[in-house]
Amino acid sequence: MIIKLEKVTVVSRKDIEAIDVTPIVEDVVKNSGVTNGMVFVYTMHTSSGLIVTEGIPCLEEDIMNYLSKIVPEEGNYRHQRYLDFDGRVGFNADTHIKSILGGINAFFSIENKKIIKGSRQTLYFLEFDGPLERTICIQVMGE
């Protein structure tokens, strides 16, 4: 059995953004040596997310706009106070809540060195607190 973990940097350019990472994951799978198995992808950050949905720009905007409406930046958040353990004021409660709503991971089956997914499925990294340099982990397992 082959087990490979690759950490990949994703650079966001905006404060809130959906970035298509499908080609990155497909490339890692292709170069992993795994013919049949699973790939598990997750973000290492509590103010970002990963989702699978149809890959079209208008839907990217709709998702980000909707999350911003249901969890606005300004709100009565308990996190927006001085945090003793961190030595600073918490300011981004909304980004953590958006991360929870969007989710932080995805997985796909691998068959014949390719990810098995629907023809319109796209894997997005969701930035809620950018612009920043982020890390996603891609774990490929199989034979």
Protein backbone atom coordinates (compact mmCIF):
# COMPACT_ATOMS: atom_id res chain seq x y z
CA MET A 1 0.00 0.00 0.00
CA ILE A 2 1.16 3.50 -0.85
CA ILE A 3 0.48 6.34 1.58
CA LYS A 4 1.60 9.79 0.55
CA LEU A 5 1.02 13.15 2.21
CA GLU A 6 1.68 16.34 0.31
CA LYS A 7 1.36 19.83 1.78
CA VAL A 8 0.50 22.41 -0.87
CA THR A 9 0.54 26.19 -0.57
CA VAL A 10 -2.51 28.12 -1.77
CA VAL A 11 -2.19 31.90 -2.01
CA SER A 12 -5.37 33.95 -1.78
CA ARG A 13 -5.50 37.40 -3.33
CA LYS A 14 -8.70 38.70 -1.69
CA ASP A 15 -10.19 38.84 1.79
CA ILE A 16 -12.88 36.32 0.79
CA GLU A 17 -12.36 34.09 -2.24
CA ALA A 18 -13.11 30.68 -3.77
CA ILE A 19 -10.05 29.09 -5.39
CA ASP A 20 -10.35 26.01 -7.62
CA VAL A 21 -7.83 23.48 -6.29
CA THR A 22 -9.13 20.52 -8.32
CA PRO A 23 -6.16 20.53 -10.75
CA ILE A 24 -3.70 20.59 -7.83
CA VAL A 25 -5.31 17.55 -6.21
CA GLU A 26 -5.56 15.73 -9.55
CA ASP A 27 -1.84 16.35 -10.14
CA VAL A 28 -0.87 15.03 -6.70
CA VAL A 29 -2.97 11.90 -7.31
CA LYS A 30 -1.46 11.40 -10.77
CA ASN A 31 2.09 11.62 -9.39
CA SER A 32 1.45 9.60 -6.22
CA GLY A 33 1.91 6.15 -7.71
CA VAL A 34 -1.57 5.15 -6.52
CA THR A 35 -3.76 3.49 -9.15
CA ASN A 36 -6.79 2.70 -6.98
CA GLY A 37 -7.54 4.11 -3.54
CA MET A 38 -8.65 7.31 -1.83
CA VAL A 39 -7.56 10.93 -1.61
CA PHE A 40 -8.35 13.04 1.45
CA VAL A 41 -7.91 16.82 1.31
CA TYR A 42 -8.09 19.23 4.24
CA THR A 43 -7.17 22.78 5.13
CA MET A 44 -4.87 23.45 8.07
CA HIS A 45 -6.56 26.73 8.94
CA THR A 46 -9.60 27.52 11.09
CA SER A 47 -10.66 30.49 8.97
CA SER A 48 -10.78 28.73 5.61
CA GLY A 49 -12.71 25.85 4.12
CA LEU A 50 -13.02 23.25 1.38
CA ILE A 51 -16.19 22.50 -0.55
CA VAL A 52 -17.26 20.51 -3.59
CA THR A 53 -19.77 22.13 -5.93
CA GLU A 54 -20.36 23.04 -9.55
CA GLY A 55 -17.40 24.97 -10.92
CA ILE A 56 -18.74 28.20 -12.39
CA PRO A 57 -17.81 31.79 -11.44
CA CYS A 58 -21.36 33.00 -10.73
CA LEU A 59 -21.86 30.17 -8.22
CA GLU A 60 -18.48 30.95 -6.61
CA GLU A 61 -19.72 34.50 -6.00
CA ASP A 62 -23.14 33.33 -4.82
CA ILE A 63 -21.61 30.99 -2.22
CA MET A 64 -19.25 33.61 -0.85
CA ASN A 65 -21.96 36.32 -0.84
CA TYR A 66 -24.46 34.03 0.89
CA LEU A 67 -21.98 33.03 3.60
CA SER A 68 -21.18 36.72 4.16
CA LYS A 69 -24.88 37.52 4.54
CA ILE A 70 -25.67 34.75 7.02
CA VAL A 71 -22.44 35.36 8.97
CA PRO A 72 -21.63 39.07 8.62
CA GLU A 73 -18.21 40.46 9.50
CA GLU A 74 -19.72 42.83 12.04
CA GLY A 75 -21.74 41.14 14.72
CA ASN A 76 -22.10 40.58 18.43
CA TYR A 77 -19.38 37.91 18.63
CA ARG A 78 -17.83 36.90 21.96
CA HIS A 79 -14.59 36.22 20.08
CA GLN A 80 -14.18 39.96 19.49
CA ARG A 81 -12.39 40.67 22.76
CA TYR A 82 -8.94 40.45 24.27
CA LEU A 83 -7.80 36.83 24.34
CA ASP A 84 -5.42 36.20 27.26
CA PHE A 85 -4.01 33.01 25.78
CA ASP A 86 -3.21 34.75 22.47
CA GLY A 87 -2.15 38.17 23.73
CA ARG A 88 -4.31 40.02 21.23
CA VAL A 89 -7.88 40.95 20.38
CA GLY A 90 -9.92 38.37 18.50
CA PHE A 91 -11.42 40.00 15.44
CA ASN A 92 -12.44 37.25 13.04
CA ALA A 93 -15.23 35.21 14.61
CA ASP A 94 -17.17 35.39 11.34
CA THR A 95 -14.37 33.65 9.43
CA HIS A 96 -14.29 30.74 11.87
CA ILE A 97 -18.07 30.31 11.65
CA LYS A 98 -17.94 30.40 7.83
CA SER A 99 -15.27 27.69 7.97
CA ILE A 100 -17.57 25.51 10.06
CA LEU A 101 -20.47 26.03 7.65
CA GLY A 102 -18.38 25.33 4.56
CA GLY A 103 -16.42 22.44 6.02
CA ILE A 104 -12.70 21.83 6.08
CA ASN A 105 -12.23 18.61 4.14
CA ALA A 106 -13.22 16.49 1.18
CA PHE A 107 -12.38 13.02 -0.07
CA PHE A 108 -12.67 11.16 -3.33
CA SER A 109 -12.14 7.63 -4.56
CA ILE A 110 -9.32 7.02 -7.02
CA GLU A 111 -9.71 4.62 -9.92
CA ASN A 112 -7.11 4.14 -12.67
CA LYS A 113 -5.05 7.06 -11.27
CA LYS A 114 -7.97 9.50 -11.53
CA ILE A 115 -10.28 11.09 -8.99
CA ILE A 116 -13.83 9.76 -9.28
CA LYS A 117 -16.12 12.79 -9.23
CA GLY A 118 -19.15 14.13 -11.04
CA SER A 119 -18.53 15.90 -14.34
CA ARG A 120 -19.40 19.29 -12.81
CA GLN A 121 -17.85 18.76 -9.39
CA THR A 122 -15.06 21.17 -8.52
CA LEU A 123 -13.04 21.25 -5.30
CA TYR A 124 -12.71 24.78 -3.94
CA PHE A 125 -10.48 26.19 -1.24
CA LEU A 126 -12.51 28.92 0.48
CA GLU A 127 -10.59 31.86 1.89
CA PHE A 128 -12.47 33.81 4.55
CA ASP A 129 -9.64 35.81 6.13
CA GLY A 130 -7.24 36.76 3.34
CA PRO A 131 -5.26 37.59 1.51
CA LEU A 132 -2.93 34.97 2.98
CA GLU A 133 -0.63 32.09 2.12
CA ARG A 134 -2.40 28.89 3.24
CA THR A 135 -1.62 25.19 3.39
CA ILE A 136 -3.81 22.32 2.30
CA CYS A 137 -2.86 18.70 2.97
CA ILE A 138 -3.49 16.07 0.34
CA GLN A 139 -3.26 12.48 1.60
CA VAL A 140 -3.30 9.78 -1.09
CA MET A 141 -3.69 6.13 -0.06
CA GLY A 142 -4.02 2.97 -2.09
CA GLU A 143 -2.31 0.53 -4.39
